[in-house]
Amino acid sequence: MSETVEDLSVSYFENGVETVKELDKIVLTKGAWATLIFRYQEWDAKNDKYGADKYTIRRYQKKNGEYKQRSKFNISSADQAEKIISALQSWL
């Protein structure tokens, strides 16, 4: 696991292939509990290319000097992301 928030990533390699490619991340909160939002793409082996952008919000807890993932919320589509943005903007 990671010792700093900056080292946290959703990138994932399997058999030498980056099956989850992190495109960007934003740290929403730091501390004993950290919250990050990631933009990523998944490898589509059938079509031999990366798919559409996806988004995930992850919560990590720092314990014994290392961050461990405790929860996640995957935003399933661009449409769902737009609805989340709209809801938050209407409340703020």
PDB file of N, CA and C in Angstrom:
ATOM      1  N   MET A   1       0.839  -1.187   0.000  1.00  0.00           N
ATOM      2  CA  MET A   1       0.000   0.000   0.000  1.00  0.00           C
ATOM      3  C   MET A   1       0.879   1.243   0.000  1.00  0.00           C
ATOM      4  N   SER A   2       0.251   2.389  -0.037  1.00  0.00           N
ATOM      5  CA  SER A   2       0.952   3.657  -0.164  1.00  0.00           C
ATOM      6  C   SER A   2       1.110   4.346   1.185  1.00  0.00           C
ATOM      7  N   GLU A   3       2.227   5.053   1.319  1.00  0.00           N
ATOM      8  CA  GLU A   3       2.486   5.799   2.536  1.00  0.00           C
ATOM      9  C   GLU A   3       2.003   7.243   2.451  1.00  0.00           C
ATOM     10  N   THR A   4       1.859   7.771   1.212  1.00  0.00           N
ATOM     11  CA  THR A   4       1.389   9.147   1.043  1.00  0.00           C
ATOM     12  C   THR A   4       0.176   9.160   0.120  1.00  0.00           C
ATOM     13  N   VAL A   5      -0.630  10.201   0.257  1.00  0.00           N
ATOM     14  CA  VAL A   5      -1.823  10.359  -0.577  1.00  0.00           C
ATOM     15  C   VAL A   5      -1.422  10.447  -2.049  1.00  0.00           C
ATOM     16  N   GLU A   6      -0.311  11.140  -2.311  1.00  0.00           N
ATOM     17  CA  GLU A   6       0.142  11.321  -3.687  1.00  0.00           C
ATOM     18  C   GLU A   6       0.499  10.003  -4.368  1.00  0.00           C
ATOM     19  N   ASP A   7       0.844   8.981  -3.602  1.00  0.00           N
ATOM     20  CA  ASP A   7       1.201   7.673  -4.172  1.00  0.00           C
ATOM     21  C   ASP A   7      -0.003   6.785  -4.473  1.00  0.00           C
ATOM     22  N   LEU A   8      -1.187   7.153  -3.984  1.00  0.00           N
ATOM     23  CA  LEU A   8      -2.379   6.341  -4.222  1.00  0.00           C
ATOM     24  C   LEU A   8      -2.749   6.378  -5.704  1.00  0.00           C
ATOM     25  N   SER A   9      -3.170   5.229  -6.230  1.00  0.00           N
ATOM     26  CA  SER A   9      -3.484   5.121  -7.654  1.00  0.00           C
ATOM     27  C   SER A   9      -4.487   4.003  -7.884  1.00  0.00           C
ATOM     28  N   VAL A  10      -5.210   4.109  -8.997  1.00  0.00           N
ATOM     29  CA  VAL A  10      -6.093   3.026  -9.409  1.00  0.00           C
ATOM     30  C   VAL A  10      -5.486   2.226 -10.555  1.00  0.00           C
ATOM     31  N   SER A  11      -4.306   2.627 -11.015  1.00  0.00           N
ATOM     32  CA  SER A  11      -3.642   1.880 -12.096  1.00  0.00           C
ATOM     33  C   SER A  11      -3.467   0.426 -11.685  1.00  0.00           C
ATOM     34  N   TYR A  12      -3.664  -0.473 -12.646  1.00  0.00           N
ATOM     35  CA  TYR A  12      -3.565  -1.901 -12.342  1.00  0.00           C
ATOM     36  C   TYR A  12      -2.974  -2.618 -13.549  1.00  0.00           C
ATOM     37  N   PHE A  13      -2.006  -3.456 -13.278  1.00  0.00           N
ATOM     38  CA  PHE A  13      -1.353  -4.243 -14.325  1.00  0.00           C
ATOM     39  C   PHE A  13      -1.647  -5.717 -14.118  1.00  0.00           C
ATOM     40  N   GLU A  14      -1.924  -6.407 -15.215  1.00  0.00           N
ATOM     41  CA  GLU A  14      -2.178  -7.848 -15.183  1.00  0.00           C
ATOM     42  C   GLU A  14      -1.466  -8.476 -16.368  1.00  0.00           C
ATOM     43  N   ASN A  15      -0.574  -9.401 -16.086  1.00  0.00           N
ATOM     44  CA  ASN A  15       0.208 -10.074 -17.127  1.00  0.00           C
ATOM     45  C   ASN A  15       0.915  -9.069 -18.042  1.00  0.00           C
ATOM     46  N   GLY A  16       1.473  -8.017 -17.438  1.00  0.00           N
ATOM     47  CA  GLY A  16       2.223  -7.027 -18.189  1.00  0.00           C
ATOM     48  C   GLY A  16       1.389  -6.022 -18.950  1.00  0.00           C
ATOM     49  N   VAL A  17       0.063  -6.087 -18.818  1.00  0.00           N
ATOM     50  CA  VAL A  17      -0.841  -5.163 -19.514  1.00  0.00           C
ATOM     51  C   VAL A  17      -1.478  -4.245 -18.477  1.00  0.00           C
ATOM     52  N   GLU A  18      -1.474  -2.940 -18.759  1.00  0.00           N
ATOM     53  CA  GLU A  18      -2.136  -1.991 -17.869  1.00  0.00           C
ATOM     54  C   GLU A  18      -3.642  -2.069 -18.131  1.00  0.00           C
ATOM     55  N   THR A  19      -4.328  -2.872 -17.329  1.00  0.00           N
ATOM     56  CA  THR A  19      -5.754  -3.102 -17.540  1.00  0.00           C
ATOM     57  C   THR A  19      -6.608  -1.952 -17.012  1.00  0.00           C
ATOM     58  N   VAL A  20      -6.078  -1.202 -16.058  1.00  0.00           N
ATOM     59  CA  VAL A  20      -6.729   0.017 -15.584  1.00  0.00           C
ATOM     60  C   VAL A  20      -5.690   1.125 -15.673  1.00  0.00           C
ATOM     61  N   LYS A  21      -5.968   2.111 -16.528  1.00  0.00           N
ATOM     62  CA  LYS A  21      -5.029   3.207 -16.756  1.00  0.00           C
ATOM     63  C   LYS A  21      -5.578   4.474 -16.109  1.00  0.00           C
ATOM     64  N   GLU A  22      -4.865   4.962 -15.092  1.00  0.00           N
ATOM     65  CA  GLU A  22      -5.264   6.193 -14.428  1.00  0.00           C
ATOM     66  C   GLU A  22      -4.933   7.379 -15.328  1.00  0.00           C
ATOM     67  N   LEU A  23      -5.928   8.227 -15.567  1.00  0.00           N
ATOM     68  CA  LEU A  23      -5.740   9.409 -16.400  1.00  0.00           C
ATOM     69  C   LEU A  23      -5.521  10.669 -15.563  1.00  0.00           C
ATOM     70  N   ASP A  24      -6.158  10.724 -14.400  1.00  0.00           N
ATOM     71  CA  ASP A  24      -6.035  11.896 -13.541  1.00  0.00           C
ATOM     72  C   ASP A  24      -6.580  11.543 -12.159  1.00  0.00           C
ATOM     73  N   LYS A  25      -6.200  12.343 -11.180  1.00  0.00           N
ATOM     74  CA  LYS A  25      -6.769  12.193  -9.840  1.00  0.00           C
ATOM     75  C   LYS A  25      -6.783  13.543  -9.172  1.00  0.00           C
ATOM     76  N   ILE A  26      -7.745  13.715  -8.296  1.00  0.00           N
ATOM     77  CA  ILE A  26      -7.849  14.918  -7.482  1.00  0.00           C
ATOM     78  C   ILE A  26      -8.019  14.466  -6.039  1.00  0.00           C
ATOM     79  N   VAL A  27      -7.189  15.040  -5.168  1.00  0.00           N
ATOM     80  CA  VAL A  27      -7.280  14.743  -3.745  1.00  0.00           C
ATOM     81  C   VAL A  27      -8.331  15.677  -3.162  1.00  0.00           C
ATOM     82  N   LEU A  28      -9.403  15.108  -2.630  1.00  0.00           N
ATOM     83  CA  LEU A  28     -10.481  15.901  -2.048  1.00  0.00           C
ATOM     84  C   LEU A  28     -10.210  16.205  -0.579  1.00  0.00           C
ATOM     85  N   THR A  29      -9.677  15.223   0.154  1.00  0.00           N
ATOM     86  CA  THR A  29      -9.301  15.422   1.558  1.00  0.00           C
ATOM     87  C   THR A  29      -8.049  14.615   1.857  1.00  0.00           C
ATOM     88  N   LYS A  30      -7.269  15.112   2.821  1.00  0.00           N
ATOM     89  CA  LYS A  30      -6.071  14.423   3.299  1.00  0.00           C
ATOM     90  C   LYS A  30      -6.192  14.229   4.801  1.00  0.00           C
ATOM     91  N   GLY A  31      -5.350  13.382   5.332  1.00  0.00           N
ATOM     92  CA  GLY A  31      -5.330  13.160   6.775  1.00  0.00           C
ATOM     93  C   GLY A  31      -5.421  11.681   7.062  1.00  0.00           C
ATOM     94  N   ALA A  32      -5.916  11.358   8.267  1.00  0.00           N
ATOM     95  CA  ALA A  32      -6.065   9.953   8.646  1.00  0.00           C
ATOM     96  C   ALA A  32      -7.029   9.247   7.696  1.00  0.00           C
ATOM     97  N   TRP A  33      -7.998   9.998   7.183  1.00  0.00           N
ATOM     98  CA  TRP A  33      -8.902   9.519   6.149  1.00  0.00           C
ATOM     99  C   TRP A  33      -8.702  10.418   4.930  1.00  0.00           C
ATOM    100  N   ALA A  34      -8.464   9.823   3.790  1.00  0.00           N
ATOM    101  CA  ALA A  34      -8.261  10.572   2.553  1.00  0.00           C
ATOM    102  C   ALA A  34      -9.355  10.184   1.559  1.00  0.00           C
ATOM    103  N   THR A  35      -9.811  11.176   0.801  1.00  0.00           N
ATOM    104  CA  THR A  35     -10.812  10.950  -0.235  1.00  0.00           C
ATOM    105  C   THR A  35     -10.256  11.457  -1.550  1.00  0.00           C
ATOM    106  N   LEU A  36     -10.279  10.604  -2.576  1.00  0.00           N
ATOM    107  CA  LEU A  36      -9.771  10.965  -3.889  1.00  0.00           C
ATOM    108  C   LEU A  36     -10.795  10.603  -4.956  1.00  0.00           C
ATOM    109  N   ILE A  37     -10.781  11.367  -6.029  1.00  0.00           N
ATOM    110  CA  ILE A  37     -11.591  11.029  -7.193  1.00  0.00           C
ATOM    111  C   ILE A  37     -10.615  10.785  -8.348  1.00  0.00           C
ATOM    112  N   PHE A  38     -10.830   9.680  -9.051  1.00  0.00           N
ATOM    113  CA  PHE A  38      -9.952   9.272 -10.141  1.00  0.00           C
ATOM    114  C   PHE A  38     -10.719   9.245 -11.464  1.00  0.00           C
ATOM    115  N   ARG A  39     -10.027   9.606 -12.518  1.00  0.00           N
ATOM    116  CA  ARG A  39     -10.506   9.413 -13.898  1.00  0.00           C
ATOM    117  C   ARG A  39      -9.625   8.338 -14.496  1.00  0.00           C
ATOM    118  N   TYR A  40     -10.240   7.310 -15.097  1.00  0.00           N
ATOM    119  CA  TYR A  40      -9.469   6.173 -15.592  1.00  0.00           C
ATOM    120  C   TYR A  40     -10.139   5.545 -16.804  1.00  0.00           C
ATOM    121  N   GLN A  41      -9.410   4.638 -17.435  1.00  0.00           N
ATOM    122  CA  GLN A  41      -9.945   3.834 -18.539  1.00  0.00           C
ATOM    123  C   GLN A  41      -9.571   2.379 -18.285  1.00  0.00           C
ATOM    124  N   GLU A  42     -10.422   1.484 -18.737  1.00  0.00           N
ATOM    125  CA  GLU A  42     -10.156   0.047 -18.634  1.00  0.00           C
ATOM    126  C   GLU A  42      -9.790  -0.504 -20.010  1.00  0.00           C
ATOM    127  N   TRP A  43      -8.855  -1.433 -20.024  1.00  0.00           N
ATOM    128  CA  TRP A  43      -8.408  -2.072 -21.249  1.00  0.00           C
ATOM    129  C   TRP A  43      -9.477  -3.049 -21.733  1.00  0.00           C
ATOM    130  N   ASP A  44      -9.835  -2.943 -22.994  1.00  0.00           N
ATOM    131  CA  ASP A  44     -10.791  -3.849 -23.632  1.00  0.00           C
ATOM    132  C   ASP A  44      -9.989  -4.775 -24.534  1.00  0.00           C
ATOM    133  N   ALA A  45      -9.668  -5.954 -24.039  1.00  0.00           N
ATOM    134  CA  ALA A  45      -8.816  -6.890 -24.781  1.00  0.00           C
ATOM    135  C   ALA A  45      -9.480  -7.344 -26.081  1.00  0.00           C
ATOM    136  N   LYS A  46     -10.788  -7.459 -26.075  1.00  0.00           N
ATOM    137  CA  LYS A  46     -11.505  -7.906 -27.268  1.00  0.00           C
ATOM    138  C   LYS A  46     -11.318  -6.929 -28.429  1.00  0.00           C
ATOM    139  N   ASN A  47     -11.344  -5.624 -28.120  1.00  0.00           N
ATOM    140  CA  ASN A  47     -11.192  -4.600 -29.153  1.00  0.00           C
ATOM    141  C   ASN A  47      -9.783  -4.027 -29.220  1.00  0.00           C
ATOM    142  N   ASP A  48      -8.901  -4.518 -28.341  1.00  0.00           N
ATOM    143  CA  ASP A  48      -7.495  -4.121 -28.315  1.00  0.00           C
ATOM    144  C   ASP A  48      -7.328  -2.605 -28.169  1.00  0.00           C
ATOM    145  N   LYS A  49      -8.120  -2.015 -27.244  1.00  0.00           N
ATOM    146  CA  LYS A  49      -8.011  -0.578 -26.975  1.00  0.00           C
ATOM    147  C   LYS A  49      -8.655  -0.269 -25.625  1.00  0.00           C
ATOM    148  N   TYR A  50      -8.390   0.955 -25.147  1.00  0.00           N
ATOM    149  CA  TYR A  50      -9.010   1.386 -23.900  1.00  0.00           C
ATOM    150  C   TYR A  50     -10.421   1.881 -24.160  1.00  0.00           C
ATOM    151  N   GLY A  51     -11.283   1.665 -23.180  1.00  0.00           N
ATOM    152  CA  GLY A  51     -12.679   2.091 -23.291  1.00  0.00           C
ATOM    153  C   GLY A  51     -12.856   3.549 -22.920  1.00  0.00           C
ATOM    154  N   ALA A  52     -14.098   3.930 -22.753  1.00  0.00           N
ATOM    155  CA  ALA A  52     -14.459   5.311 -22.410  1.00  0.00           C
ATOM    156  C   ALA A  52     -13.961   5.658 -21.010  1.00  0.00           C
ATOM    157  N   ASP A  53     -13.817   6.943 -20.766  1.00  0.00           N
ATOM    158  CA  ASP A  53     -13.412   7.410 -19.442  1.00  0.00           C
ATOM    159  C   ASP A  53     -14.440   6.971 -18.402  1.00  0.00           C
ATOM    160  N   LYS A  54     -13.925   6.603 -17.236  1.00  0.00           N
ATOM    161  CA  LYS A  54     -14.759   6.251 -16.087  1.00  0.00           C
ATOM    162  C   LYS A  54     -14.244   7.033 -14.894  1.00  0.00           C
ATOM    163  N   TYR A  55     -15.036   7.049 -13.824  1.00  0.00           N
ATOM    164  CA  TYR A  55     -14.701   7.840 -12.644  1.00  0.00           C
ATOM    165  C   TYR A  55     -15.000   7.020 -11.401  1.00  0.00           C
ATOM    166  N   THR A  56     -14.178   7.207 -10.370  1.00  0.00           N
ATOM    167  CA  THR A  56     -14.402   6.513  -9.117  1.00  0.00           C
ATOM    168  C   THR A  56     -13.966   7.398  -7.963  1.00  0.00           C
ATOM    169  N   ILE A  57     -14.728   7.361  -6.885  1.00  0.00           N
ATOM    170  CA  ILE A  57     -14.381   8.073  -5.663  1.00  0.00           C
ATOM    171  C   ILE A  57     -13.959   7.008  -4.658  1.00  0.00           C
ATOM    172  N   ARG A  58     -12.789   7.210  -4.070  1.00  0.00           N
ATOM    173  CA  ARG A  58     -12.250   6.215  -3.131  1.00  0.00           C
ATOM    174  C   ARG A  58     -11.905   6.865  -1.796  1.00  0.00           C
ATOM    175  N   ARG A  59     -12.176   6.119  -0.722  1.00  0.00           N
ATOM    176  CA  ARG A  59     -11.811   6.554   0.639  1.00  0.00           C
ATOM    177  C   ARG A  59     -10.739   5.622   1.159  1.00  0.00           C
ATOM    178  N   TYR A  60      -9.713   6.219   1.751  1.00  0.00           N
ATOM    179  CA  TYR A  60      -8.588   5.468   2.296  1.00  0.00           C
ATOM    180  C   TYR A  60      -8.388   5.858   3.746  1.00  0.00           C
ATOM    181  N   GLN A  61      -7.984   4.881   4.552  1.00  0.00           N
ATOM    182  CA  GLN A  61      -7.654   5.137   5.955  1.00  0.00           C
ATOM    183  C   GLN A  61      -6.166   4.872   6.148  1.00  0.00           C
ATOM    184  N   LYS A  62      -5.505   5.798   6.832  1.00  0.00           N
ATOM    185  CA  LYS A  62      -4.085   5.604   7.118  1.00  0.00           C
ATOM    186  C   LYS A  62      -3.959   4.930   8.470  1.00  0.00           C
ATOM    187  N   LYS A  63      -3.320   3.774   8.445  1.00  0.00           N
ATOM    188  CA  LYS A  63      -3.150   2.986   9.657  1.00  0.00           C
ATOM    189  C   LYS A  63      -1.757   2.374   9.604  1.00  0.00           C
ATOM    190  N   ASN A  64      -1.029   2.491  10.684  1.00  0.00           N
ATOM    191  CA  ASN A  64       0.344   1.980  10.751  1.00  0.00           C
ATOM    192  C   ASN A  64       1.203   2.524   9.614  1.00  0.00           C
ATOM    193  N   GLY A  65       0.978   3.796   9.268  1.00  0.00           N
ATOM    194  CA  GLY A  65       1.802   4.461   8.271  1.00  0.00           C
ATOM    195  C   GLY A  65       1.464   4.169   6.826  1.00  0.00           C
ATOM    196  N   GLU A  66       0.401   3.409   6.573  1.00  0.00           N
ATOM    197  CA  GLU A  66       0.023   3.069   5.199  1.00  0.00           C
ATOM    198  C   GLU A  66      -1.467   3.318   4.972  1.00  0.00           C
ATOM    199  N   TYR A  67      -1.776   3.807   3.763  1.00  0.00           N
ATOM    200  CA  TYR A  67      -3.174   4.002   3.385  1.00  0.00           C
ATOM    201  C   TYR A  67      -3.752   2.693   2.853  1.00  0.00           C
ATOM    202  N   LYS A  68      -4.947   2.374   3.322  1.00  0.00           N
ATOM    203  CA  LYS A  68      -5.666   1.189   2.834  1.00  0.00           C
ATOM    204  C   LYS A  68      -7.046   1.627   2.387  1.00  0.00           C
ATOM    205  N   GLN A  69      -7.461   1.121   1.241  1.00  0.00           N
ATOM    206  CA  GLN A  69      -8.784   1.469   0.723  1.00  0.00           C
ATOM    207  C   GLN A  69      -9.859   0.893   1.629  1.00  0.00           C
ATOM    208  N   ARG A  70     -10.824   1.740   1.963  1.00  0.00           N
ATOM    209  CA  ARG A  70     -11.924   1.317   2.829  1.00  0.00           C
ATOM    210  C   ARG A  70     -13.265   1.308   2.105  1.00  0.00           C
ATOM    211  N   SER A  71     -13.425   2.181   1.107  1.00  0.00           N
ATOM    212  CA  SER A  71     -14.680   2.185   0.358  1.00  0.00           C
ATOM    213  C   SER A  71     -14.462   2.829  -0.998  1.00  0.00           C
ATOM    214  N   LYS A  72     -15.408   2.566  -1.899  1.00  0.00           N
ATOM    215  CA  LYS A  72     -15.336   3.179  -3.219  1.00  0.00           C
ATOM    216  C   LYS A  72     -16.737   3.318  -3.795  1.00  0.00           C
ATOM    217  N   PHE A  73     -16.864   4.297  -4.686  1.00  0.00           N
ATOM    218  CA  PHE A  73     -18.100   4.494  -5.422  1.00  0.00           C
ATOM    219  C   PHE A  73     -17.717   4.700  -6.874  1.00  0.00           C
ATOM    220  N   ASN A  74     -18.153   3.818  -7.738  1.00  0.00           N
ATOM    221  CA  ASN A  74     -17.877   3.931  -9.164  1.00  0.00           C
ATOM    222  C   ASN A  74     -19.021   4.659  -9.844  1.00  0.00           C
ATOM    223  N   ILE A  75     -18.675   5.705 -10.575  1.00  0.00           N
ATOM    224  CA  ILE A  75     -19.666   6.445 -11.351  1.00  0.00           C
ATOM    225  C   ILE A  75     -19.812   5.690 -12.671  1.00  0.00           C
ATOM    226  N   SER A  76     -20.994   5.194 -12.929  1.00  0.00           N
ATOM    227  CA  SER A  76     -21.194   4.200 -13.986  1.00  0.00           C
ATOM    228  C   SER A  76     -21.219   4.755 -15.401  1.00  0.00           C
ATOM    229  N   SER A  77     -21.433   6.067 -15.547  1.00  0.00           N
ATOM    230  CA  SER A  77     -21.513   6.623 -16.900  1.00  0.00           C
ATOM    231  C   SER A  77     -21.314   8.133 -16.848  1.00  0.00           C
ATOM    232  N   ALA A  78     -21.070   8.726 -18.014  1.00  0.00           N
ATOM    233  CA  ALA A  78     -20.962  10.181 -18.105  1.00  0.00           C
ATOM    234  C   ALA A  78     -22.292  10.823 -17.710  1.00  0.00           C
ATOM    235  N   ASP A  79     -23.402  10.178 -18.062  1.00  0.00           N
ATOM    236  CA  ASP A  79     -24.725  10.693 -17.708  1.00  0.00           C
ATOM    237  C   ASP A  79     -24.888  10.757 -16.189  1.00  0.00           C
ATOM    238  N   GLN A  80     -24.467   9.701 -15.494  1.00  0.00           N
ATOM    239  CA  GLN A  80     -24.565   9.699 -14.038  1.00  0.00           C
ATOM    240  C   GLN A  80     -23.657  10.780 -13.444  1.00  0.00           C
ATOM    241  N   ALA A  81     -22.467  10.975 -14.005  1.00  0.00           N
ATOM    242  CA  ALA A  81     -21.551  12.020 -13.534  1.00  0.00           C
ATOM    243  C   ALA A  81     -22.202  13.395 -13.678  1.00  0.00           C
ATOM    244  N   GLU A  82     -22.856  13.643 -14.813  1.00  0.00           N
ATOM    245  CA  GLU A  82     -23.531  14.923 -15.041  1.00  0.00           C
ATOM    246  C   GLU A  82     -24.653  15.140 -14.027  1.00  0.00           C
ATOM    247  N   LYS A  83     -25.383  14.087 -13.697  1.00  0.00           N
ATOM    248  CA  LYS A  83     -26.467  14.201 -12.719  1.00  0.00           C
ATOM    249  C   LYS A  83     -25.913  14.503 -11.325  1.00  0.00           C
ATOM    250  N   ILE A  84     -24.793  13.907 -10.966  1.00  0.00           N
ATOM    251  CA  ILE A  84     -24.156  14.182  -9.676  1.00  0.00           C
ATOM    252  C   ILE A  84     -23.711  15.643  -9.630  1.00  0.00           C
ATOM    253  N   ILE A  85     -23.074  16.107 -10.707  1.00  0.00           N
ATOM    254  CA  ILE A  85     -22.633  17.504 -10.794  1.00  0.00           C
ATOM    255  C   ILE A  85     -23.824  18.444 -10.644  1.00  0.00           C
ATOM    256  N   SER A  86     -24.886  18.159 -11.360  1.00  0.00           N
ATOM    257  CA  SER A  86     -26.093  18.999 -11.323  1.00  0.00           C
ATOM    258  C   SER A  86     -26.688  19.051  -9.912  1.00  0.00           C
ATOM    259  N   ALA A  87     -26.769  17.909  -9.261  1.00  0.00           N
ATOM    260  CA  ALA A  87     -27.328  17.863  -7.911  1.00  0.00           C
ATOM    261  C   ALA A  87     -26.476  18.674  -6.944  1.00  0.00           C
ATOM    262  N   LEU A  88     -25.172  18.502  -7.012  1.00  0.00           N
ATOM    263  CA  LEU A  88     -24.288  19.248  -6.114  1.00  0.00           C
ATOM    264  C   LEU A  88     -24.351  20.744  -6.373  1.00  0.00           C
ATOM    265  N   GLN A  89     -24.388  21.131  -7.649  1.00  0.00           N
ATOM    266  CA  GLN A  89     -24.469  22.559  -7.982  1.00  0.00           C
ATOM    267  C   GLN A  89     -25.770  23.173  -7.488  1.00  0.00           C
ATOM    268  N   SER A  90     -26.849  22.407  -7.507  1.00  0.00           N
ATOM    269  CA  SER A  90     -28.131  22.950  -7.056  1.00  0.00           C
ATOM    270  C   SER A  90     -28.136  23.136  -5.530  1.00  0.00           C
ATOM    271  N   TRP A  91     -27.322  22.384  -4.813  1.00  0.00           N
ATOM    272  CA  TRP A  91     -27.276  22.472  -3.363  1.00  0.00           C
ATOM    273  C   TRP A  91     -26.284  23.523  -2.873  1.00  0.00           C
ATOM    274  N   LEU A  92     -25.332  23.866  -3.714  1.00  0.00           N
ATOM    275  CA  LEU A  92     -24.270  24.791  -3.253  1.00  0.00           C
ATOM    276  C   LEU A  92     -24.538  26.212  -3.665  1.00  0.00           C
TER     277      LEU A  92
END
